[in-house]
């Protein structure tokens, strides 16, 4: 993993919340492109590339994560 600065709003592939800040918001795998918070790094699946079912985001409402709610907003 390398520390990365994202130019536009981006979501963590693990917890799906936004990577916030102006610079160095998260980390990205140099091999598969999996991006997450530095705090989420310990929970990321160990195999690379990460299986597609763990990369996809569910379309249902998840109040705990803010998915599918107004809090989720228009960020993709």
Protein backbone atom coordinates (compact mmCIF):
# COMPACT_ATOMS: atom_id res chain seq x y z
CA UNK A 1 0.00 0.00 0.00
CA UNK A 2 1.05 3.57 -0.69
CA UNK A 3 -0.36 6.77 0.81
CA UNK A 4 -2.46 8.60 -1.78
CA UNK A 5 -4.09 12.00 -2.26
CA UNK A 6 -7.38 11.83 -4.18
CA UNK A 7 -8.41 14.75 -6.43
CA UNK A 8 -12.15 14.14 -6.00
CA UNK A 9 -14.31 12.65 -3.22
CA UNK A 10 -13.63 8.94 -2.88
CA UNK A 11 -15.06 6.20 -0.66
CA UNK A 12 -13.15 3.63 1.33
CA UNK A 13 -13.54 0.21 -0.32
CA UNK A 14 -13.83 -1.41 3.12
CA UNK A 15 -16.11 0.77 5.28
CA UNK A 16 -17.59 2.82 2.38
CA UNK A 17 -17.29 6.14 4.22
CA UNK A 18 -15.61 9.10 2.54
CA UNK A 19 -11.88 9.56 2.57
CA UNK A 20 -11.71 13.10 3.96
CA UNK A 21 -9.05 15.77 3.85
CA UNK A 22 -7.18 17.73 1.23
CA UNK A 23 -4.14 15.47 0.97
CA UNK A 24 -3.08 11.97 1.98
CA UNK A 25 -6.67 10.87 2.62
CA UNK A 26 -6.01 7.16 2.39
CA UNK A 27 -3.92 4.33 1.01
CA UNK A 28 -4.07 2.44 -2.29
CA UNK A 29 -2.70 -0.96 -3.26
CA UNK A 30 -0.12 -0.54 -6.03
CA UNK A 31 -1.15 -3.87 -7.59
CA UNK A 32 -4.97 -3.92 -7.61
CA UNK A 33 -5.95 -0.32 -6.77
CA UNK A 34 -7.90 -1.17 -3.60
CA UNK A 35 -8.24 2.09 -1.60
CA UNK A 36 -9.13 2.56 2.05
CA UNK A 37 -8.54 4.61 5.19
CA UNK A 38 -5.24 4.07 6.96
CA UNK A 39 -7.30 3.00 9.99
CA UNK A 40 -9.10 0.33 7.89
CA UNK A 41 -5.87 -1.18 6.54
CA UNK A 42 -5.70 -3.92 9.19
CA UNK A 43 -9.16 -5.22 8.17
CA UNK A 44 -8.50 -5.36 4.41
CA UNK A 45 -8.61 -8.88 2.88
CA UNK A 46 -5.08 -10.28 2.64
CA UNK A 47 -5.37 -11.68 -0.88
CA UNK A 48 -4.50 -9.43 -3.81
CA UNK A 49 -6.27 -8.72 -6.01
CA UNK A 50 -9.24 -8.47 -3.68
CA UNK A 51 -12.09 -10.76 -4.86
CA UNK A 52 -14.77 -8.87 -6.86
CA UNK A 53 -17.51 -9.68 -4.32
CA UNK A 54 -15.53 -7.77 -1.68
CA UNK A 55 -14.95 -4.80 -4.01
CA UNK A 56 -18.57 -4.28 -4.99
CA UNK A 57 -20.82 -2.02 -3.00
CA UNK A 58 -24.32 -3.18 -2.11
CA UNK A 59 -27.23 -1.09 -3.38
CA UNK A 60 -29.48 -1.62 -0.36
CA UNK A 61 -29.86 0.80 2.53
CA UNK A 62 -27.37 0.39 5.36
CA UNK A 63 -27.98 2.98 8.06
CA UNK A 64 -24.80 2.11 9.98
CA UNK A 65 -22.61 2.90 6.98
CA UNK A 66 -24.86 5.63 5.52
CA UNK A 67 -25.28 3.71 2.24
CA UNK A 68 -28.40 4.44 0.25
CA UNK A 69 -29.36 7.32 2.54
CA UNK A 70 -29.30 11.10 2.15
CA UNK A 71 -26.01 11.00 4.06
CA UNK A 72 -24.57 8.95 1.20
CA UNK A 73 -25.28 11.84 -1.21
CA UNK A 74 -24.20 11.93 -4.83
CA UNK A 75 -20.60 10.79 -4.36
CA UNK A 76 -19.77 7.63 -6.29
